[in-house]
Amino acid sequence: PLPAAAVQAGHNGADTVALVREWIRDGRADLAVGAAETLRARLPGSSDAVALAGDAYLAKKSPERAATLYRQAGKIRRTWPLTRRAVAAYRALGR
């Protein structure tokens, strides 16, 4: 996998997405959140970057933050996969 510094050094979005997904899969949610937030800062108008950060927070057991990010992503572009992820965050919150 790419080191976290590679994300900050400007690797492309696809590499960062792959890295975040790998860290989520490996249970390394703190690293996933850091990389996803770096991507979100670089691409603030990207619904995919915002949703990816939501995925990382959901993996970190922070469903409130995930739900907030999913709402933000939905304001940019709402897709069915995003809707399903938002539902998962709300369920984790008991809503």
Protein backbone atom coordinates (compact mmCIF):
# COMPACT_ATOMS: atom_id res chain seq x y z
CA PRO A 1 0.00 0.00 0.00
CA LEU A 2 0.96 3.63 -0.39
CA PRO A 3 2.37 5.30 2.69
CA ALA A 4 0.24 8.05 4.24
CA ALA A 5 2.82 10.62 3.13
CA ALA A 6 2.05 9.64 -0.47
CA VAL A 7 -1.52 10.83 -0.01
CA GLN A 8 -0.30 14.19 1.23
CA ALA A 9 2.30 14.38 -1.53
CA GLY A 10 -0.45 14.51 -4.11
CA HIS A 11 -1.00 11.00 -5.39
CA ASN A 12 -4.07 10.84 -7.56
CA GLY A 13 -7.57 10.33 -6.20
CA ALA A 14 -7.83 6.74 -7.41
CA ASP A 15 -4.71 5.76 -5.46
CA THR A 16 -6.06 7.46 -2.35
CA VAL A 17 -9.45 5.78 -2.67
CA ALA A 18 -7.75 2.39 -2.99
CA LEU A 19 -5.60 3.13 0.05
CA VAL A 20 -8.55 4.25 2.18
CA ARG A 21 -10.60 1.20 1.15
CA GLU A 22 -7.66 -1.08 2.01
CA TRP A 23 -7.22 0.52 5.43
CA ILE A 24 -10.95 0.21 6.12
CA ARG A 25 -10.81 -3.48 5.14
CA ASP A 26 -7.75 -3.99 7.38
CA GLY A 27 -9.41 -2.34 10.40
CA ARG A 28 -7.10 0.68 10.29
CA ALA A 29 -9.88 3.26 10.45
CA ASP A 30 -7.74 6.02 11.97
CA LEU A 31 -5.39 5.90 8.98
CA ALA A 32 -8.36 5.71 6.61
CA VAL A 33 -9.91 8.82 8.18
CA GLY A 34 -6.66 10.77 7.86
CA ALA A 35 -6.20 9.88 4.20
CA ALA A 36 -9.88 10.48 3.36
CA GLU A 37 -9.82 13.88 5.06
CA THR A 38 -6.68 14.80 3.10
CA LEU A 39 -8.44 13.87 -0.14
CA ARG A 40 -11.57 15.76 0.90
CA ALA A 41 -9.49 18.88 1.57
CA ARG A 42 -7.89 18.57 -1.88
CA LEU A 43 -11.25 17.97 -3.63
CA PRO A 44 -13.90 19.78 -1.55
CA GLY A 45 -16.50 19.78 -4.35
CA SER A 46 -16.29 16.04 -4.94
CA SER A 47 -19.22 14.05 -3.60
CA ASP A 48 -17.08 10.91 -3.90
CA ALA A 49 -14.34 12.39 -1.68
CA VAL A 50 -16.88 13.52 0.92
CA ALA A 51 -18.63 10.13 0.87
CA LEU A 52 -15.29 8.31 1.19
CA ALA A 53 -14.60 10.31 4.34
CA GLY A 54 -18.03 9.22 5.58
CA ASP A 55 -17.10 5.60 4.92
CA ALA A 56 -13.90 6.02 6.92
CA TYR A 57 -15.75 7.57 9.86
CA LEU A 58 -18.37 4.83 9.77
CA ALA A 59 -15.54 2.27 9.94
CA LYS A 60 -14.11 4.25 12.88
CA LYS A 61 -17.43 3.79 14.69
CA SER A 62 -18.34 7.47 14.31
CA PRO A 63 -21.77 7.18 12.67
CA GLU A 64 -22.81 10.75 13.56
CA ARG A 65 -19.86 12.19 11.62
CA ALA A 66 -20.44 9.69 8.81
CA ALA A 67 -24.10 10.70 8.52
CA THR A 68 -23.12 14.38 8.39
CA LEU A 69 -20.65 13.70 5.59
CA TYR A 70 -23.13 11.57 3.67
CA ARG A 71 -25.64 14.45 3.87
CA GLN A 72 -22.99 16.83 2.52
CA ALA A 73 -22.13 14.44 -0.29
CA GLY A 74 -25.82 14.09 -1.14
CA LYS A 75 -26.13 17.84 -1.55
CA ILE A 76 -23.47 17.64 -4.26
CA ARG A 77 -24.71 14.44 -5.94
CA ARG A 78 -27.02 11.77 -4.56
CA THR A 79 -26.52 8.22 -5.79
CA TRP A 80 -28.10 4.94 -4.67
CA PRO A 81 -24.85 3.65 -3.18
CA LEU A 82 -24.56 6.86 -1.16
CA THR A 83 -28.16 6.50 0.01
CA ARG A 84 -27.47 2.93 1.19
CA ARG A 85 -24.38 4.07 3.10
CA ALA A 86 -26.33 6.90 4.73
CA VAL A 87 -28.99 4.40 5.83
CA ALA A 88 -26.24 2.27 7.43
CA ALA A 89 -24.97 5.31 9.36
CA TYR A 90 -28.49 6.18 10.56
CA ARG A 91 -29.09 2.58 11.63
CA ALA A 92 -25.85 2.64 13.60
CA LEU A 93 -27.25 5.73 15.34
CA GLY A 94 -30.45 3.86 16.14
CA ARG A 95 -32.58 6.00 13.83
